[in-house]
Amino acid sequence: MRQEPGRFEFNVSQARQFLPGLIRDLERHPDRVFRILSRKRLVAELKAPALVAKKGEAARALLALAGRKRARGRMKVSEDVDRHLY
């Protein structure tokens, strides 16, 4: 197993053998990346999933954006449609 800062390399059979331990290690150290090699070629990377925002965070952000007032006031897009069309 070759070590680089924050990276670890395994061949496929080693990764299969150590998979439960690798998963536990990722839970403790989510910044680590395990590289899986086959005949010295990279075939996969095992890493922790990206951090997910808390439930409802997107809705709160959208409501905050919707609640802001516009600097120009209301836009009257189709107030006088007939005059422009005919």
N, C-alpha and C. Protein backbone atom coordinates (compact mmCIF):
# COMPACT_ATOMS: atom_id res chain seq x y z
N MET A 1 0.85 -1.18 0.00
CA MET A 1 0.00 0.00 0.00
C MET A 1 0.89 1.23 0.00
N ARG A 2 0.78 2.05 -1.04
CA ARG A 2 1.54 3.29 -1.14
C ARG A 2 0.75 4.41 -0.50
N GLN A 3 1.44 5.29 0.22
CA GLN A 3 0.74 6.37 0.90
C GLN A 3 1.20 7.71 0.37
N GLU A 4 0.24 8.58 0.10
CA GLU A 4 0.47 9.98 -0.22
C GLU A 4 -0.31 10.76 0.81
N PRO A 5 -0.08 12.06 0.91
CA PRO A 5 -0.86 12.84 1.89
C PRO A 5 -2.35 12.75 1.61
N GLY A 6 -3.08 12.05 2.47
CA GLY A 6 -4.54 11.94 2.33
C GLY A 6 -5.00 10.93 1.31
N ARG A 7 -4.11 10.18 0.67
CA ARG A 7 -4.50 9.20 -0.35
C ARG A 7 -3.88 7.84 -0.03
N PHE A 8 -4.62 6.82 -0.33
CA PHE A 8 -4.16 5.45 -0.10
C PHE A 8 -4.50 4.63 -1.33
N GLU A 9 -3.59 3.77 -1.75
CA GLU A 9 -3.80 2.96 -2.95
C GLU A 9 -3.85 1.47 -2.59
N PHE A 10 -4.81 0.77 -3.21
CA PHE A 10 -4.99 -0.67 -3.02
C PHE A 10 -5.22 -1.30 -4.38
N ASN A 11 -4.83 -2.56 -4.52
CA ASN A 11 -5.27 -3.26 -5.72
C ASN A 11 -6.67 -3.80 -5.46
N VAL A 12 -7.32 -4.31 -6.49
CA VAL A 12 -8.73 -4.69 -6.38
C VAL A 12 -8.95 -5.76 -5.31
N SER A 13 -8.10 -6.76 -5.26
CA SER A 13 -8.31 -7.84 -4.27
C SER A 13 -8.12 -7.32 -2.85
N GLN A 14 -7.16 -6.42 -2.63
CA GLN A 14 -6.98 -5.83 -1.29
C GLN A 14 -8.20 -4.99 -0.92
N ALA A 15 -8.71 -4.20 -1.86
CA ALA A 15 -9.87 -3.36 -1.58
C ALA A 15 -11.07 -4.22 -1.20
N ARG A 16 -11.25 -5.32 -1.89
CA ARG A 16 -12.35 -6.23 -1.57
C ARG A 16 -12.18 -6.82 -0.18
N GLN A 17 -10.96 -7.17 0.16
CA GLN A 17 -10.67 -7.78 1.46
C GLN A 17 -10.86 -6.77 2.60
N PHE A 18 -10.43 -5.53 2.40
CA PHE A 18 -10.45 -4.52 3.46
C PHE A 18 -11.65 -3.58 3.40
N LEU A 19 -12.64 -3.85 2.55
CA LEU A 19 -13.75 -2.92 2.35
C LEU A 19 -14.46 -2.49 3.64
N PRO A 20 -14.83 -3.39 4.55
CA PRO A 20 -15.49 -2.92 5.78
C PRO A 20 -14.61 -1.95 6.58
N GLY A 21 -13.32 -2.22 6.65
CA GLY A 21 -12.42 -1.33 7.37
C GLY A 21 -12.24 0.00 6.66
N LEU A 22 -12.23 -0.03 5.33
CA LEU A 22 -12.10 1.21 4.56
C LEU A 22 -13.32 2.11 4.79
N ILE A 23 -14.49 1.50 4.84
CA ILE A 23 -15.71 2.27 5.07
C ILE A 23 -15.70 2.89 6.46
N ARG A 24 -15.29 2.12 7.46
CA ARG A 24 -15.19 2.69 8.82
C ARG A 24 -14.19 3.83 8.86
N ASP A 25 -13.08 3.67 8.14
CA ASP A 25 -12.06 4.72 8.10
C ASP A 25 -12.61 5.98 7.44
N LEU A 26 -13.42 5.82 6.40
CA LEU A 26 -14.03 6.99 5.74
C LEU A 26 -15.01 7.71 6.66
N GLU A 27 -15.70 6.95 7.50
CA GLU A 27 -16.61 7.59 8.46
C GLU A 27 -15.84 8.46 9.44
N ARG A 28 -14.66 8.00 9.85
CA ARG A 28 -13.84 8.76 10.79
C ARG A 28 -13.08 9.90 10.11
N HIS A 29 -12.65 9.68 8.87
CA HIS A 29 -11.84 10.66 8.14
C HIS A 29 -12.45 10.87 6.75
N PRO A 30 -13.49 11.70 6.63
CA PRO A 30 -14.19 11.85 5.35
C PRO A 30 -13.35 12.52 4.26
N ASP A 31 -12.22 13.12 4.61
CA ASP A 31 -11.39 13.77 3.60
C ASP A 31 -10.46 12.79 2.87
N ARG A 32 -10.38 11.57 3.31
CA ARG A 32 -9.50 10.58 2.69
C ARG A 32 -10.08 10.05 1.39
N VAL A 33 -9.20 9.68 0.49
CA VAL A 33 -9.59 9.08 -0.79
C VAL A 33 -8.78 7.80 -0.97
N PHE A 34 -9.47 6.69 -1.18
CA PHE A 34 -8.81 5.42 -1.42
C PHE A 34 -8.85 5.14 -2.92
N ARG A 35 -7.69 4.94 -3.51
CA ARG A 35 -7.59 4.67 -4.95
C ARG A 35 -7.47 3.16 -5.14
N ILE A 36 -8.27 2.63 -6.05
CA ILE A 36 -8.27 1.20 -6.33
C ILE A 36 -7.66 1.00 -7.72
N LEU A 37 -6.59 0.19 -7.75
CA LEU A 37 -5.82 0.00 -8.98
C LEU A 37 -5.97 -1.42 -9.50
N SER A 38 -5.93 -1.55 -10.81
CA SER A 38 -5.88 -2.85 -11.46
C SER A 38 -4.73 -2.80 -12.46
N ARG A 39 -3.72 -3.61 -12.21
CA ARG A 39 -2.52 -3.62 -13.04
C ARG A 39 -1.91 -2.22 -13.16
N LYS A 40 -1.80 -1.57 -12.03
CA LYS A 40 -1.20 -0.24 -11.88
C LYS A 40 -1.96 0.86 -12.61
N ARG A 41 -3.23 0.58 -12.97
CA ARG A 41 -4.09 1.60 -13.58
C ARG A 41 -5.24 1.89 -12.63
N LEU A 42 -5.55 3.16 -12.47
CA LEU A 42 -6.65 3.56 -11.59
C LEU A 42 -7.98 3.13 -12.20
N VAL A 43 -8.76 2.36 -11.43
CA VAL A 43 -10.06 1.91 -11.91
C VAL A 43 -11.21 2.46 -11.07
N ALA A 44 -10.92 2.91 -9.83
CA ALA A 44 -11.98 3.44 -8.98
C ALA A 44 -11.37 4.24 -7.84
N GLU A 45 -12.19 5.14 -7.29
CA GLU A 45 -11.84 5.87 -6.08
C GLU A 45 -12.96 5.69 -5.08
N LEU A 46 -12.60 5.40 -3.86
CA LEU A 46 -13.57 5.25 -2.79
C LEU A 46 -13.41 6.44 -1.87
N LYS A 47 -14.50 7.24 -1.76
CA LYS A 47 -14.44 8.42 -0.90
C LYS A 47 -15.80 8.66 -0.28
N ALA A 48 -15.81 9.45 0.78
CA ALA A 48 -17.06 9.76 1.47
C ALA A 48 -17.91 10.66 0.57
N PRO A 49 -19.24 10.56 0.68
CA PRO A 49 -20.10 11.44 -0.13
C PRO A 49 -19.94 12.89 0.30
N ALA A 50 -20.27 13.78 -0.61
CA ALA A 50 -20.22 15.20 -0.30
C ALA A 50 -21.19 15.50 0.84
N LEU A 51 -20.84 16.47 1.64
CA LEU A 51 -21.72 16.83 2.75
C LEU A 51 -23.03 17.37 2.21
N VAL A 52 -24.12 16.92 2.78
CA VAL A 52 -25.45 17.32 2.34
C VAL A 52 -25.97 18.38 3.30
N ALA A 53 -26.61 19.39 2.74
CA ALA A 53 -27.18 20.45 3.57
C ALA A 53 -28.30 19.88 4.44
N LYS A 54 -28.57 20.56 5.52
CA LYS A 54 -29.63 20.11 6.42
C LYS A 54 -30.98 20.15 5.71
N LYS A 55 -31.89 19.31 6.17
CA LYS A 55 -33.21 19.23 5.57
C LYS A 55 -33.92 20.58 5.68
N GLY A 56 -34.45 21.06 4.57
CA GLY A 56 -35.17 22.33 4.55
C GLY A 56 -34.30 23.54 4.30
N GLU A 57 -32.99 23.35 4.18
CA GLU A 57 -32.09 24.48 3.99
C GLU A 57 -32.34 25.17 2.65
N ALA A 58 -32.61 24.41 1.60
CA ALA A 58 -32.87 25.00 0.29
C ALA A 58 -34.16 25.82 0.31
N ALA A 59 -35.19 25.31 0.98
CA ALA A 59 -36.45 26.05 1.06
C ALA A 59 -36.27 27.36 1.82
N ARG A 60 -35.50 27.34 2.90
CA ARG A 60 -35.25 28.57 3.65
C ARG A 60 -34.50 29.59 2.80
N ALA A 61 -33.54 29.13 2.02
CA ALA A 61 -32.78 30.05 1.17
C ALA A 61 -33.68 30.66 0.10
N LEU A 62 -34.57 29.85 -0.49
CA LEU A 62 -35.48 30.38 -1.51
C LEU A 62 -36.46 31.38 -0.91
N LEU A 63 -36.97 31.09 0.27
CA LEU A 63 -37.89 32.03 0.92
C LEU A 63 -37.19 33.33 1.27
N ALA A 64 -35.94 33.26 1.67
CA ALA A 64 -35.18 34.48 1.97
C ALA A 64 -34.99 35.31 0.71
N LEU A 65 -34.74 34.66 -0.42
CA LEU A 65 -34.59 35.40 -1.67
C LEU A 65 -35.92 36.00 -2.11
N ALA A 66 -37.00 35.26 -1.95
CA ALA A 66 -38.31 35.76 -2.36
C ALA A 66 -38.77 36.91 -1.49
N GLY A 67 -38.34 36.94 -0.25
CA GLY A 67 -38.76 37.98 0.67
C GLY A 67 -38.06 39.32 0.47
N ARG A 68 -36.96 39.32 -0.28
CA ARG A 68 -36.25 40.57 -0.50
C ARG A 68 -37.05 41.47 -1.43
N LYS A 69 -37.01 42.77 -1.18
CA LYS A 69 -37.72 43.72 -2.02
C LYS A 69 -36.84 44.13 -3.19
N ARG A 70 -37.47 44.37 -4.31
CA ARG A 70 -36.73 44.81 -5.49
C ARG A 70 -36.44 46.30 -5.37
N ALA A 71 -35.34 46.70 -5.91
CA ALA A 71 -34.95 48.11 -5.87
C ALA A 71 -35.84 48.96 -6.76
N ARG A 72 -36.32 48.42 -7.88
CA ARG A 72 -37.11 49.20 -8.82
C ARG A 72 -38.61 49.09 -8.58
N GLY A 73 -39.03 48.33 -7.64
CA GLY A 73 -40.45 48.15 -7.42
C GLY A 73 -41.03 47.09 -8.34
N ARG A 74 -42.35 47.10 -8.53
CA ARG A 74 -43.00 46.09 -9.35
C ARG A 74 -42.76 46.36 -10.82
N MET A 75 -42.60 45.28 -11.56
CA MET A 75 -42.44 45.41 -13.00
C MET A 75 -43.79 45.13 -13.65
N LYS A 76 -44.25 46.03 -14.50
CA LYS A 76 -45.54 45.88 -15.18
C LYS A 76 -45.26 45.36 -16.59
N VAL A 77 -45.18 44.06 -16.71
CA VAL A 77 -44.75 43.44 -17.96
C VAL A 77 -45.85 43.51 -19.02
N SER A 78 -47.05 43.14 -18.69
CA SER A 78 -48.10 43.07 -19.71
C SER A 78 -49.28 43.97 -19.37
N GLU A 79 -49.00 45.17 -18.93
CA GLU A 79 -50.08 46.08 -18.54
C GLU A 79 -50.90 46.53 -19.74
N ASP A 80 -50.27 46.81 -20.84
CA ASP A 80 -50.96 47.34 -22.00
C ASP A 80 -50.65 46.48 -23.22
N VAL A 81 -51.05 45.21 -23.18
CA VAL A 81 -50.70 44.24 -24.21
C VAL A 81 -51.33 44.59 -25.55
N ASP A 82 -52.61 44.99 -25.57
CA ASP A 82 -53.31 45.25 -26.83
C ASP A 82 -52.60 46.31 -27.66
N ARG A 83 -52.11 47.34 -27.04
CA ARG A 83 -51.47 48.43 -27.76
C ARG A 83 -50.20 47.94 -28.47
N HIS A 84 -49.48 47.00 -27.89
CA HIS A 84 -48.25 46.51 -28.49
C HIS A 84 -48.50 45.44 -29.55
N LEU A 85 -49.57 44.68 -29.41
CA LEU A 85 -49.83 43.59 -30.35
C LEU A 85 -50.57 44.03 -31.60
N TYR A 86 -51.47 45.01 -31.49
CA TYR A 86 -52.32 45.35 -32.64
C TYR A 86 -52.04 46.71 -33.17
